[in-house]
Amino acid sequence: MPAKSIHKTEYLVLLRRLRALRTAAGLTQVDLSAALQRPQSYVSDVERGSRRMDLLQLRELCNACGQSLSEFVDEFEQELGHAKPSRRPPKRPS
């Protein structure tokens, strides 16, 4: 069974990029949550990986931080180029 996406290196990169996006915009979690009209716990949960977002929510978050979704995805893809692969070698039969 393949690993869930939350356990992949790529997901950790995504979480790191989300936090970096917010901090580069000079926003606290409270600031961003106000811009999104959501509780601060929402932003915290997203950044910790305990809450998943759909594409529209990600776009809204990017826009609130002053970046387009496409710019965010480009930076995410660039960072993945330097990340270790998340796939484990297949198990050998016993």
Protein backbone atom coordinates (compact mmCIF):
# COMPACT_ATOMS: atom_id res chain seq x y z
CA MET A 1 0.00 0.00 0.00
CA PRO A 2 1.50 3.40 -0.96
CA ALA A 3 2.32 5.87 1.78
CA LYS A 4 -0.29 8.54 2.46
CA SER A 5 0.61 11.90 0.99
CA ILE A 6 0.97 13.47 4.45
CA HIS A 7 3.94 11.16 5.06
CA LYS A 8 5.77 12.05 1.86
CA THR A 9 8.69 14.44 1.63
CA GLU A 10 6.67 16.48 -0.84
CA TYR A 11 4.03 17.21 1.79
CA LEU A 12 6.67 18.46 4.22
CA VAL A 13 7.97 20.76 1.48
CA LEU A 14 4.42 22.04 0.95
CA LEU A 15 4.01 22.82 4.64
CA ARG A 16 7.38 24.57 4.74
CA ARG A 17 6.48 26.62 1.64
CA LEU A 18 3.12 27.66 3.14
CA ARG A 19 4.76 28.97 6.29
CA ALA A 20 7.51 30.68 4.29
CA LEU A 21 4.87 32.33 2.09
CA ARG A 22 3.12 33.80 5.12
CA THR A 23 6.27 34.98 6.85
CA ALA A 24 7.73 36.46 3.64
CA ALA A 25 4.52 38.48 3.34
CA GLY A 26 5.19 39.81 6.84
CA LEU A 27 2.01 38.26 8.20
CA THR A 28 1.39 36.54 11.50
CA GLN A 29 -1.05 33.67 11.69
CA VAL A 30 -3.54 36.12 13.20
CA ASP A 31 -3.05 38.55 10.30
CA LEU A 32 -3.53 35.83 7.71
CA SER A 33 -6.54 34.37 9.47
CA ALA A 34 -8.17 37.82 9.51
CA ALA A 35 -7.51 38.22 5.77
CA LEU A 36 -9.04 34.79 5.16
CA GLN A 37 -11.91 35.47 7.58
CA ARG A 38 -11.14 32.29 9.46
CA PRO A 39 -9.96 31.57 13.00
CA GLN A 40 -6.24 31.63 13.74
CA SER A 41 -6.46 27.92 14.51
CA TYR A 42 -7.29 27.31 10.83
CA VAL A 43 -3.95 28.77 9.71
CA SER A 44 -2.13 26.89 12.46
CA ASP A 45 -3.79 23.61 11.48
CA VAL A 46 -2.90 24.14 7.81
CA GLU A 47 0.74 24.91 8.60
CA ARG A 48 1.05 21.90 10.90
CA GLY A 49 -0.52 19.60 8.34
CA SER A 50 -3.52 18.64 10.43
CA ARG A 51 -5.92 20.37 8.03
CA ARG A 52 -5.90 19.76 4.30
CA MET A 53 -6.83 22.42 1.78
CA ASP A 54 -8.39 22.18 -1.62
CA LEU A 55 -7.09 24.11 -4.61
CA LEU A 56 -9.46 27.03 -4.10
CA GLN A 57 -8.42 27.43 -0.47
CA LEU A 58 -4.75 27.31 -1.45
CA ARG A 59 -5.38 29.99 -4.07
CA GLU A 60 -7.15 32.16 -1.49
CA LEU A 61 -4.25 31.75 0.95
CA CYS A 62 -1.68 32.62 -1.74
CA ASN A 63 -3.63 35.71 -2.77
CA ALA A 64 -3.93 36.86 0.86
CA CYS A 65 -0.13 36.65 1.04
CA GLY A 66 0.31 38.65 -2.17
CA GLN A 67 1.37 35.78 -4.41
CA SER A 68 -0.42 34.05 -7.26
CA LEU A 69 -1.16 30.36 -7.09
CA SER A 70 0.99 29.75 -10.16
CA GLU A 71 3.98 31.51 -8.55
CA PHE A 72 3.53 29.41 -5.42
CA VAL A 73 3.37 26.19 -7.44
CA ASP A 74 6.47 27.17 -9.44
CA GLU A 75 8.44 27.76 -6.21
CA PHE A 76 7.10 24.51 -4.75
CA GLU A 77 8.21 22.58 -7.84
CA GLN A 78 11.64 24.22 -7.76
CA GLU A 79 12.12 23.21 -4.15
CA LEU A 80 11.00 19.66 -4.91
CA GLY A 81 13.82 19.47 -7.41
CA HIS A 82 16.18 19.67 -4.44
CA ALA A 83 14.17 17.45 -2.09
CA LYS A 84 14.95 13.80 -1.53
CA PRO A 85 12.60 11.36 -3.26
CA SER A 86 9.80 10.17 -1.00
CA ARG A 87 9.47 6.70 -2.42
CA ARG A 88 10.91 3.84 -0.49
CA PRO A 89 12.53 0.96 -2.32
CA PRO A 90 10.09 -1.92 -2.91
CA LYS A 91 10.14 -4.71 -0.37
CA ARG A 92 11.91 -7.84 -1.51
CA PRO A 93 9.93 -11.05 -1.35
CA SER A 94 10.89 -13.32 1.54
